[in-house]
Amino acid sequence: DLTTAQVERYRQEFEAEKKIIMQDQSGFNFDALNHIAMIKKIVGDYSGAEATWKYVGLARPQNSVSFFNLAQLYAQDLKDNQKAEENFLITLKNSAGETGNEQYYITIVDFYTYFYPEKKAEAEKILLEALKTEQYKDSQDILALLATYYQGEGQPAKAKEYWQKVLQLYPTNSAAK
């Protein structure tokens, strides 16, 4: 469904990233390879994107980016929930101790809610675990996501408890009000 101009733009981006990799002494450039995989996904080369992100994961097994992107590919495009879940969990493990990765949690909760509803209860477990960590114990996003989760599950008392925590820490949060 891409226009000729879009195809040309992605071809140029691909060639530019390929050139960066070829000029790199190690033959491995994390950012360039991730961008190539993303281009492959956009143009519909899912097997190429999968292979590239798997390669990046093998070369850098402690990274979270390639595993997150691979998880999204499995969930959204390849419809393989088991592989998606596996890669989302690797993403969370690899990003442990980092701050600013609330998007990982938001996406995995969406995954369980919309793509893998038979395992939706896993979302609650993951959010509760996140709140036990130093970097996310007071996260406005994680607290609000858990409150929203409980609302959706028909547990208003628990939802209220977490909305109150949001307001306690962030009194101007309009969604919590």
N, C-alpha and C. Protein backbone atom coordinates (compact mmCIF):
# COMPACT_ATOMS: atom_id res chain seq x y z
N ASP A 1 0.81 -1.21 0.00
CA ASP A 1 0.00 0.00 0.00
C ASP A 1 0.85 1.27 0.00
N LEU A 2 2.12 1.13 -0.25
CA LEU A 2 3.00 2.30 -0.24
C LEU A 2 3.01 2.99 -1.59
N THR A 3 3.13 4.29 -1.56
CA THR A 3 3.26 5.05 -2.80
C THR A 3 4.66 4.86 -3.36
N THR A 4 4.84 5.23 -4.60
CA THR A 4 6.15 5.14 -5.24
C THR A 4 7.17 5.99 -4.48
N ALA A 5 6.73 7.16 -4.05
CA ALA A 5 7.62 8.06 -3.29
C ALA A 5 8.03 7.44 -1.96
N GLN A 6 7.09 6.78 -1.30
CA GLN A 6 7.41 6.14 -0.02
C GLN A 6 8.39 4.98 -0.23
N VAL A 7 8.15 4.19 -1.25
CA VAL A 7 9.05 3.07 -1.56
C VAL A 7 10.46 3.61 -1.81
N GLU A 8 10.56 4.67 -2.56
CA GLU A 8 11.87 5.26 -2.86
C GLU A 8 12.53 5.79 -1.59
N ARG A 9 11.74 6.44 -0.73
CA ARG A 9 12.30 6.97 0.52
C ARG A 9 12.85 5.84 1.39
N TYR A 10 12.09 4.74 1.51
CA TYR A 10 12.55 3.62 2.33
C TYR A 10 13.75 2.92 1.70
N ARG A 11 13.79 2.87 0.37
CA ARG A 11 14.95 2.29 -0.29
C ARG A 11 16.20 3.11 -0.01
N GLN A 12 16.05 4.44 -0.05
CA GLN A 12 17.18 5.32 0.24
C GLN A 12 17.62 5.18 1.71
N GLU A 13 16.66 5.13 2.62
CA GLU A 13 17.00 4.95 4.04
C GLU A 13 17.72 3.61 4.25
N PHE A 14 17.22 2.57 3.60
CA PHE A 14 17.83 1.25 3.70
C PHE A 14 19.28 1.30 3.22
N GLU A 15 19.49 1.89 2.07
CA GLU A 15 20.85 1.98 1.50
C GLU A 15 21.77 2.80 2.41
N ALA A 16 21.27 3.87 3.00
CA ALA A 16 22.07 4.69 3.91
C ALA A 16 22.47 3.89 5.15
N GLU A 17 21.55 3.14 5.70
CA GLU A 17 21.86 2.32 6.89
C GLU A 17 22.82 1.19 6.52
N LYS A 18 22.62 0.60 5.37
CA LYS A 18 23.52 -0.46 4.89
C LYS A 18 24.95 0.08 4.76
N LYS A 19 25.07 1.30 4.23
CA LYS A 19 26.38 1.93 4.08
C LYS A 19 27.05 2.14 5.45
N ILE A 20 26.27 2.55 6.43
CA ILE A 20 26.80 2.75 7.80
C ILE A 20 27.35 1.43 8.33
N ILE A 21 26.60 0.36 8.13
CA ILE A 21 27.04 -0.96 8.61
C ILE A 21 28.31 -1.39 7.89
N MET A 22 28.37 -1.18 6.58
CA MET A 22 29.54 -1.59 5.80
C MET A 22 30.79 -0.81 6.21
N GLN A 23 30.62 0.44 6.64
CA GLN A 23 31.76 1.27 7.04
C GLN A 23 32.19 1.00 8.48
N ASP A 24 31.34 0.38 9.26
CA ASP A 24 31.66 0.08 10.65
C ASP A 24 32.70 -1.04 10.71
N GLN A 25 33.76 -0.83 11.47
CA GLN A 25 34.83 -1.82 11.57
C GLN A 25 34.32 -3.18 12.05
N SER A 26 33.34 -3.17 12.93
CA SER A 26 32.84 -4.42 13.49
C SER A 26 31.82 -5.08 12.58
N GLY A 27 31.28 -4.33 11.63
CA GLY A 27 30.23 -4.87 10.77
C GLY A 27 28.90 -4.96 11.48
N PHE A 28 28.83 -4.35 12.65
CA PHE A 28 27.60 -4.39 13.44
C PHE A 28 27.33 -2.99 13.95
N ASN A 29 26.19 -2.47 13.59
CA ASN A 29 25.79 -1.17 14.10
C ASN A 29 24.37 -1.32 14.61
N PHE A 30 24.22 -1.27 15.92
CA PHE A 30 22.94 -1.54 16.58
C PHE A 30 21.82 -0.68 16.02
N ASP A 31 22.02 0.63 15.98
CA ASP A 31 20.97 1.54 15.52
C ASP A 31 20.63 1.31 14.05
N ALA A 32 21.64 1.13 13.22
CA ALA A 32 21.40 0.93 11.79
C ALA A 32 20.64 -0.37 11.54
N LEU A 33 21.01 -1.42 12.25
CA LEU A 33 20.32 -2.70 12.07
C LEU A 33 18.87 -2.63 12.54
N ASN A 34 18.63 -1.94 13.65
CA ASN A 34 17.25 -1.79 14.11
C ASN A 34 16.42 -0.98 13.11
N HIS A 35 17.04 0.04 12.53
CA HIS A 35 16.32 0.84 11.54
C HIS A 35 16.04 0.02 10.28
N ILE A 36 16.99 -0.78 9.85
CA ILE A 36 16.77 -1.66 8.70
C ILE A 36 15.62 -2.62 8.97
N ALA A 37 15.60 -3.19 10.16
CA ALA A 37 14.50 -4.11 10.50
C ALA A 37 13.16 -3.38 10.48
N MET A 38 13.13 -2.16 10.98
CA MET A 38 11.89 -1.39 10.98
C MET A 38 11.45 -1.08 9.54
N ILE A 39 12.39 -0.74 8.67
CA ILE A 39 12.06 -0.50 7.27
C ILE A 39 11.48 -1.77 6.65
N LYS A 40 12.11 -2.90 6.94
CA LYS A 40 11.61 -4.17 6.40
C LYS A 40 10.17 -4.43 6.88
N LYS A 41 9.90 -4.14 8.13
CA LYS A 41 8.54 -4.33 8.65
C LYS A 41 7.56 -3.41 7.92
N ILE A 42 7.93 -2.16 7.76
CA ILE A 42 7.04 -1.18 7.12
C ILE A 42 6.69 -1.58 5.70
N VAL A 43 7.68 -2.10 4.97
CA VAL A 43 7.43 -2.46 3.58
C VAL A 43 6.83 -3.87 3.44
N GLY A 44 6.60 -4.54 4.56
CA GLY A 44 5.94 -5.84 4.52
C GLY A 44 6.86 -7.03 4.45
N ASP A 45 8.15 -6.82 4.60
CA ASP A 45 9.11 -7.93 4.61
C ASP A 45 9.25 -8.42 6.06
N TYR A 46 8.22 -9.09 6.54
CA TYR A 46 8.18 -9.51 7.94
C TYR A 46 9.27 -10.53 8.26
N SER A 47 9.53 -11.44 7.34
CA SER A 47 10.58 -12.43 7.63
C SER A 47 11.95 -11.76 7.69
N GLY A 48 12.16 -10.74 6.86
CA GLY A 48 13.42 -10.00 6.92
C GLY A 48 13.56 -9.21 8.20
N ALA A 49 12.46 -8.58 8.63
CA ALA A 49 12.47 -7.84 9.89
C ALA A 49 12.73 -8.80 11.06
N GLU A 50 12.04 -9.92 11.05
CA GLU A 50 12.21 -10.92 12.12
C GLU A 50 13.67 -11.40 12.17
N ALA A 51 14.22 -11.75 11.04
CA ALA A 51 15.61 -12.24 11.00
C ALA A 51 16.59 -11.19 11.50
N THR A 52 16.36 -9.94 11.11
CA THR A 52 17.27 -8.87 11.53
C THR A 52 17.19 -8.64 13.03
N TRP A 53 15.97 -8.56 13.58
CA TRP A 53 15.85 -8.36 15.03
C TRP A 53 16.35 -9.56 15.82
N LYS A 54 16.19 -10.76 15.29
CA LYS A 54 16.75 -11.94 15.96
C LYS A 54 18.28 -11.85 15.99
N TYR A 55 18.86 -11.43 14.88
CA TYR A 55 20.31 -11.27 14.80
C TYR A 55 20.80 -10.24 15.82
N VAL A 56 20.12 -9.11 15.89
CA VAL A 56 20.49 -8.07 16.86
C VAL A 56 20.38 -8.63 18.27
N GLY A 57 19.32 -9.39 18.55
CA GLY A 57 19.14 -9.98 19.87
C GLY A 57 20.23 -10.98 20.22
N LEU A 58 20.68 -11.73 19.24
CA LEU A 58 21.78 -12.68 19.48
C LEU A 58 23.08 -11.94 19.74
N ALA A 59 23.31 -10.87 18.99
CA ALA A 59 24.54 -10.10 19.14
C ALA A 59 24.55 -9.28 20.42
N ARG A 60 23.38 -8.77 20.81
CA ARG A 60 23.25 -7.95 22.02
C ARG A 60 22.08 -8.49 22.85
N PRO A 61 22.29 -9.62 23.52
CA PRO A 61 21.18 -10.27 24.23
C PRO A 61 20.62 -9.49 25.42
N GLN A 62 21.32 -8.45 25.87
CA GLN A 62 20.84 -7.67 27.01
C GLN A 62 20.07 -6.42 26.59
N ASN A 63 19.91 -6.19 25.29
CA ASN A 63 19.20 -5.00 24.85
C ASN A 63 17.70 -5.21 25.01
N SER A 64 16.95 -4.14 25.06
CA SER A 64 15.50 -4.26 25.14
C SER A 64 14.81 -3.84 23.85
N VAL A 65 15.46 -3.01 23.06
CA VAL A 65 14.83 -2.43 21.87
C VAL A 65 14.49 -3.49 20.83
N SER A 66 15.45 -4.32 20.45
CA SER A 66 15.17 -5.30 19.40
C SER A 66 14.13 -6.32 19.85
N PHE A 67 14.17 -6.68 21.12
CA PHE A 67 13.18 -7.65 21.63
C PHE A 67 11.78 -7.03 21.67
N PHE A 68 11.70 -5.75 22.02
CA PHE A 68 10.41 -5.05 22.02
C PHE A 68 9.85 -4.97 20.61
N ASN A 69 10.68 -4.59 19.66
CA ASN A 69 10.22 -4.50 18.27
C ASN A 69 9.83 -5.87 17.72
N LEU A 70 10.59 -6.89 18.07
CA LEU A 70 10.28 -8.24 17.63
C LEU A 70 8.94 -8.70 18.24
N ALA A 71 8.73 -8.39 19.49
CA ALA A 71 7.47 -8.74 20.15
C ALA A 71 6.28 -8.09 19.44
N GLN A 72 6.44 -6.83 19.09
CA GLN A 72 5.36 -6.14 18.38
C GLN A 72 5.13 -6.75 16.99
N LEU A 73 6.18 -7.14 16.32
CA LEU A 73 6.05 -7.80 15.02
C LEU A 73 5.25 -9.10 15.17
N TYR A 74 5.61 -9.90 16.18
CA TYR A 74 4.89 -11.16 16.40
C TYR A 74 3.42 -10.91 16.77
N ALA A 75 3.16 -9.92 17.59
CA ALA A 75 1.79 -9.66 18.04
C ALA A 75 0.94 -9.08 16.92
N GLN A 76 1.42 -8.04 16.30
CA GLN A 76 0.59 -7.29 15.36
C GLN A 76 0.57 -7.86 13.95
N ASP A 77 1.69 -8.35 13.49
CA ASP A 77 1.80 -8.72 12.09
C ASP A 77 1.83 -10.23 11.85
N LEU A 78 2.55 -10.96 12.67
CA LEU A 78 2.67 -12.40 12.46
C LEU A 78 1.66 -13.21 13.27
N LYS A 79 0.96 -12.54 14.16
CA LYS A 79 -0.12 -13.16 14.95
C LYS A 79 0.37 -14.41 15.70
N ASP A 80 1.53 -14.30 16.31
CA ASP A 80 2.10 -15.40 17.10
C ASP A 80 2.22 -14.91 18.54
N ASN A 81 1.15 -15.08 19.30
CA ASN A 81 1.10 -14.56 20.67
C ASN A 81 2.15 -15.17 21.58
N GLN A 82 2.45 -16.43 21.40
CA GLN A 82 3.44 -17.07 22.26
C GLN A 82 4.82 -16.43 22.08
N LYS A 83 5.22 -16.23 20.83
CA LYS A 83 6.52 -15.59 20.57
C LYS A 83 6.49 -14.12 20.98
N ALA A 84 5.35 -13.48 20.79
CA ALA A 84 5.23 -12.07 21.21
C ALA A 84 5.42 -11.97 22.72
N GLU A 85 4.71 -12.81 23.46
CA GLU A 85 4.82 -12.77 24.92
C GLU A 85 6.25 -13.04 25.36
N GLU A 86 6.88 -14.04 24.78
CA GLU A 86 8.26 -14.38 25.12
C GLU A 86 9.18 -13.17 24.95
N ASN A 87 9.03 -12.46 23.84
CA ASN A 87 9.88 -11.31 23.58
C ASN A 87 9.52 -10.10 24.41
N PHE A 88 8.24 -9.91 24.73
CA PHE A 88 7.86 -8.83 25.65
C PHE A 88 8.49 -9.08 27.02
N LEU A 89 8.47 -10.32 27.48
CA LEU A 89 9.04 -10.63 28.80
C LEU A 89 10.55 -10.43 28.81
N ILE A 90 11.22 -10.76 27.71
CA ILE A 90 12.66 -10.49 27.60
C ILE A 90 12.90 -8.98 27.65
N THR A 91 12.04 -8.24 26.96
CA THR A 91 12.15 -6.77 26.97
C THR A 91 12.10 -6.23 28.39
N LEU A 92 11.11 -6.69 29.16
CA LEU A 92 10.97 -6.22 30.54
C LEU A 92 12.17 -6.62 31.38
N LYS A 93 12.64 -7.84 31.22
CA LYS A 93 13.81 -8.31 31.97
C LYS A 93 15.04 -7.47 31.62
N ASN A 94 15.24 -7.23 30.34
CA ASN A 94 16.43 -6.49 29.90
C ASN A 94 16.37 -5.01 30.26
N SER A 95 15.17 -4.48 30.44
CA SER A 95 15.06 -3.06 30.78
C SER A 95 14.96 -2.83 32.29
N ALA A 96 15.04 -3.91 33.07
CA ALA A 96 14.99 -3.78 34.53
C ALA A 96 16.09 -2.84 35.01
N GLY A 97 15.74 -1.95 35.88
CA GLY A 97 16.70 -0.99 36.42
C GLY A 97 16.75 0.30 35.64
N GLU A 98 16.20 0.30 34.45
CA GLU A 98 16.16 1.52 33.63
C GLU A 98 14.90 2.32 33.98
N THR A 99 14.97 3.60 33.78
CA THR A 99 13.78 4.43 33.95
C THR A 99 13.31 4.91 32.58
N GLY A 100 12.09 5.38 32.54
CA GLY A 100 11.57 5.95 31.31
C GLY A 100 11.07 4.94 30.30
N ASN A 101 10.88 3.71 30.71
CA ASN A 101 10.39 2.70 29.78
C ASN A 101 8.95 2.29 30.08
N GLU A 102 8.17 3.22 30.55
CA GLU A 102 6.77 2.92 30.83
C GLU A 102 6.05 2.43 29.57
N GLN A 103 6.52 2.87 28.41
CA GLN A 103 5.88 2.44 27.16
C GLN A 103 5.91 0.92 27.01
N TYR A 104 6.96 0.29 27.50
CA TYR A 104 7.01 -1.17 27.44
C TYR A 104 5.83 -1.77 28.21
N TYR A 105 5.57 -1.22 29.38
CA TYR A 105 4.47 -1.74 30.20
C TYR A 105 3.12 -1.45 29.56
N ILE A 106 2.97 -0.27 29.03
CA ILE A 106 1.70 0.10 28.38
C ILE A 106 1.44 -0.85 27.21
N THR A 107 2.46 -1.12 26.44
CA THR A 107 2.30 -1.97 25.26
C THR A 107 2.01 -3.41 25.64
N ILE A 108 2.68 -3.92 26.67
CA ILE A 108 2.43 -5.32 27.04
C ILE A 108 1.03 -5.48 27.65
N VAL A 109 0.54 -4.47 28.37
CA VAL A 109 -0.83 -4.53 28.89
C VAL A 109 -1.81 -4.50 27.72
N ASP A 110 -1.56 -3.65 26.73
CA ASP A 110 -2.40 -3.64 25.53
C ASP A 110 -2.35 -4.99 24.81
N PHE A 111 -1.17 -5.58 24.75
CA PHE A 111 -1.01 -6.89 24.12
C PHE A 111 -1.90 -7.92 24.79
N TYR A 112 -1.81 -8.01 26.12
CA TYR A 112 -2.63 -8.99 26.83
C TYR A 112 -4.12 -8.67 26.71
N THR A 113 -4.46 -7.41 26.69
CA THR A 113 -5.87 -7.01 26.62
C THR A 113 -6.47 -7.29 25.24
N TYR A 114 -5.77 -6.90 24.19
CA TYR A 114 -6.36 -6.95 22.86
C TYR A 114 -5.92 -8.12 21.98
N PHE A 115 -4.72 -8.64 22.22
CA PHE A 115 -4.21 -9.71 21.36
C PHE A 115 -4.20 -11.08 22.03
N TYR A 116 -4.12 -11.10 23.35
CA TYR A 116 -3.96 -12.36 24.08
C TYR A 116 -4.85 -12.35 25.32
N PRO A 117 -6.15 -12.12 25.13
CA PRO A 117 -7.05 -11.92 26.27
C PRO A 117 -7.14 -13.12 27.21
N GLU A 118 -6.85 -14.32 26.73
CA GLU A 118 -6.88 -15.48 27.62
C GLU A 118 -5.78 -15.43 28.68
N LYS A 119 -4.82 -14.54 28.50
CA LYS A 119 -3.75 -14.37 29.49
C LYS A 119 -3.75 -12.94 30.06
N LYS A 120 -4.90 -12.29 30.00
CA LYS A 120 -5.01 -10.90 30.43
C LYS A 120 -4.58 -10.69 31.88
N ALA A 121 -4.79 -11.68 32.73
CA ALA A 121 -4.41 -11.56 34.14
C ALA A 121 -2.91 -11.35 34.31
N GLU A 122 -2.12 -11.72 33.32
CA GLU A 122 -0.68 -11.50 33.39
C GLU A 122 -0.36 -10.00 33.45
N ALA A 123 -1.20 -9.20 32.83
CA ALA A 123 -0.98 -7.74 32.84
C ALA A 123 -0.97 -7.22 34.27
N GLU A 124 -1.91 -7.66 35.08
CA GLU A 124 -1.97 -7.23 36.47
C GLU A 124 -0.68 -7.61 37.20
N LYS A 125 -0.24 -8.84 37.02
CA LYS A 125 0.98 -9.31 37.68
C LYS A 125 2.19 -8.46 37.30
N ILE A 126 2.29 -8.16 36.01
CA ILE A 126 3.43 -7.37 35.52
C ILE A 126 3.41 -5.96 36.09
N LEU A 127 2.24 -5.35 36.13
CA LEU A 127 2.14 -3.99 36.68
C LEU A 127 2.43 -3.97 38.17
N LEU A 128 1.94 -4.96 38.90
CA LEU A 128 2.23 -5.02 40.33
C LEU A 128 3.72 -5.23 40.58
N GLU A 129 4.36 -6.05 39.76
CA GLU A 129 5.81 -6.24 39.88
C GLU A 129 6.55 -4.94 39.59
N ALA A 130 6.10 -4.20 38.59
CA ALA A 130 6.74 -2.92 38.26
C ALA A 130 6.67 -1.96 39.44
N LEU A 131 5.54 -1.95 40.13
CA LEU A 131 5.38 -1.04 41.27
C LEU A 131 6.26 -1.42 42.46
N LYS A 132 6.80 -2.63 42.45
CA LYS A 132 7.71 -3.06 43.51
C LYS A 132 9.15 -2.61 43.26
N THR A 133 9.41 -2.09 42.08
CA THR A 133 10.77 -1.67 41.75
C THR A 133 11.00 -0.22 42.13
N GLU A 134 12.23 0.10 42.34
CA GLU A 134 12.59 1.47 42.72
C GLU A 134 12.24 2.49 41.64
N GLN A 135 12.51 2.14 40.39
CA GLN A 135 12.29 3.10 39.32
C GLN A 135 10.82 3.32 38.97
N TYR A 136 9.94 2.39 39.30
CA TYR A 136 8.53 2.54 38.93
C TYR A 136 7.56 2.58 40.10
N LYS A 137 8.06 2.54 41.32
CA LYS A 137 7.16 2.49 42.48
C LYS A 137 6.22 3.69 42.57
N ASP A 138 6.63 4.82 42.04
CA ASP A 138 5.79 6.02 42.05
C ASP A 138 5.45 6.50 40.64
N SER A 139 5.52 5.59 39.69
CA SER A 139 5.26 5.98 38.30
C SER A 139 3.79 6.31 38.10
N GLN A 140 3.55 7.52 37.68
CA GLN A 140 2.19 7.97 37.39
C GLN A 140 1.55 7.08 36.32
N ASP A 141 2.32 6.75 35.29
CA ASP A 141 1.79 5.95 34.19
C ASP A 141 1.44 4.53 34.63
N ILE A 142 2.33 3.90 35.41
CA ILE A 142 2.08 2.53 35.85
C ILE A 142 0.89 2.49 36.81
N LEU A 143 0.85 3.44 37.75
CA LEU A 143 -0.28 3.49 38.69
C LEU A 143 -1.60 3.71 37.95
N ALA A 144 -1.62 4.64 37.01
CA ALA A 144 -2.85 4.92 36.25
C ALA A 144 -3.23 3.73 35.38
N LEU A 145 -2.25 3.06 34.82
CA LEU A 145 -2.53 1.89 33.99
C LEU A 145 -3.15 0.77 34.83
N LEU A 146 -2.64 0.59 36.04
CA LEU A 146 -3.20 -0.43 36.92
C LEU A 146 -4.62 -0.05 37.34
N ALA A 147 -4.85 1.21 37.64
CA ALA A 147 -6.20 1.67 38.00
C ALA A 147 -7.16 1.43 36.83
N THR A 148 -6.72 1.75 35.64
CA THR A 148 -7.54 1.55 34.44
C THR A 148 -7.79 0.06 34.21
N TYR A 149 -6.78 -0.75 34.44
CA TYR A 149 -6.92 -2.20 34.31
C TYR A 149 -8.03 -2.70 35.24
N TYR A 150 -7.97 -2.27 36.50
CA TYR A 150 -8.99 -2.70 37.47
C TYR A 150 -10.38 -2.20 37.10
N GLN A 151 -10.46 -0.99 36.57
CA GLN A 151 -11.75 -0.48 36.10
C GLN A 151 -12.31 -1.40 35.03
N GLY A 152 -11.47 -1.74 34.07
CA GLY A 152 -11.89 -2.62 32.98
C GLY A 152 -12.27 -4.01 33.42
N GLU A 153 -11.71 -4.43 34.52
CA GLU A 153 -12.00 -5.76 35.06
C GLU A 153 -13.18 -5.75 36.03
N GLY A 154 -13.83 -4.59 36.18
CA GLY A 154 -14.99 -4.50 37.06
C GLY A 154 -14.63 -4.60 38.54
N GLN A 155 -13.48 -4.02 38.89
CA GLN A 155 -13.02 -4.02 40.28
C GLN A 155 -12.87 -2.56 40.74
N PRO A 156 -14.00 -1.89 40.98
CA PRO A 156 -13.94 -0.45 41.27
C PRO A 156 -13.18 -0.10 42.55
N ALA A 157 -13.23 -0.97 43.56
CA ALA A 157 -12.53 -0.66 44.81
C ALA A 157 -11.01 -0.61 44.57
N LYS A 158 -10.50 -1.59 43.82
CA LYS A 158 -9.07 -1.59 43.52
C LYS A 158 -8.71 -0.43 42.59
N ALA A 159 -9.58 -0.15 41.64
CA ALA A 159 -9.34 0.98 40.73
C ALA A 159 -9.24 2.27 41.54
N LYS A 160 -10.17 2.46 42.44
CA LYS A 160 -10.19 3.67 43.26
C LYS A 160 -8.91 3.78 44.10
N GLU A 161 -8.48 2.65 44.66
CA GLU A 161 -7.25 2.64 45.47
C GLU A 161 -6.07 3.17 44.67
N TYR A 162 -5.93 2.73 43.42
CA TYR A 162 -4.79 3.17 42.61
C TYR A 162 -4.98 4.57 42.05
N TRP A 163 -6.21 4.97 41.76
CA TRP A 163 -6.44 6.36 41.36
C TRP A 163 -6.11 7.30 42.51
N GLN A 164 -6.42 6.89 43.74
CA GLN A 164 -6.09 7.71 44.91
C GLN A 164 -4.58 7.83 45.08
N LYS A 165 -3.85 6.74 44.80
CA LYS A 165 -2.39 6.81 44.87
C LYS A 165 -1.85 7.79 43.82
N VAL A 166 -2.46 7.76 42.64
CA VAL A 166 -2.04 8.70 41.60
C VAL A 166 -2.25 10.14 42.09
N LEU A 167 -3.43 10.40 42.64
CA LEU A 167 -3.73 11.76 43.13
C LEU A 167 -2.85 12.18 44.29
N GLN A 168 -2.53 11.22 45.14
CA GLN A 168 -1.66 11.52 46.28
C GLN A 168 -0.28 11.98 45.79
N LEU A 169 0.24 11.30 44.77
CA LEU A 169 1.57 11.64 44.24
C LEU A 169 1.52 12.75 43.20
N TYR A 170 0.41 12.82 42.46
CA TYR A 170 0.28 13.77 41.36
C TYR A 170 -1.09 14.46 41.46
N PRO A 171 -1.24 15.40 42.37
CA PRO A 171 -2.54 16.01 42.66
C PRO A 171 -3.20 16.73 41.48
N THR A 172 -2.44 17.06 40.45
CA THR A 172 -3.04 17.75 39.31
C THR A 172 -3.47 16.79 38.19
N ASN A 173 -3.33 15.51 38.39
CA ASN A 173 -3.70 14.53 37.37
C ASN A 173 -5.20 14.56 37.14
N SER A 174 -5.61 15.06 36.00
CA SER A 174 -7.04 15.23 35.72
C SER A 174 -7.75 13.91 35.50
N ALA A 175 -7.07 12.90 34.94
CA ALA A 175 -7.71 11.60 34.74
C ALA A 175 -8.04 10.95 36.08
N ALA A 176 -7.15 11.10 37.03
CA ALA A 176 -7.39 10.52 38.36
C ALA A 176 -8.52 11.23 39.09
N LYS A 177 -8.62 12.54 38.88
CA LYS A 177 -9.70 13.29 39.52
C LYS A 177 -11.04 12.81 39.02
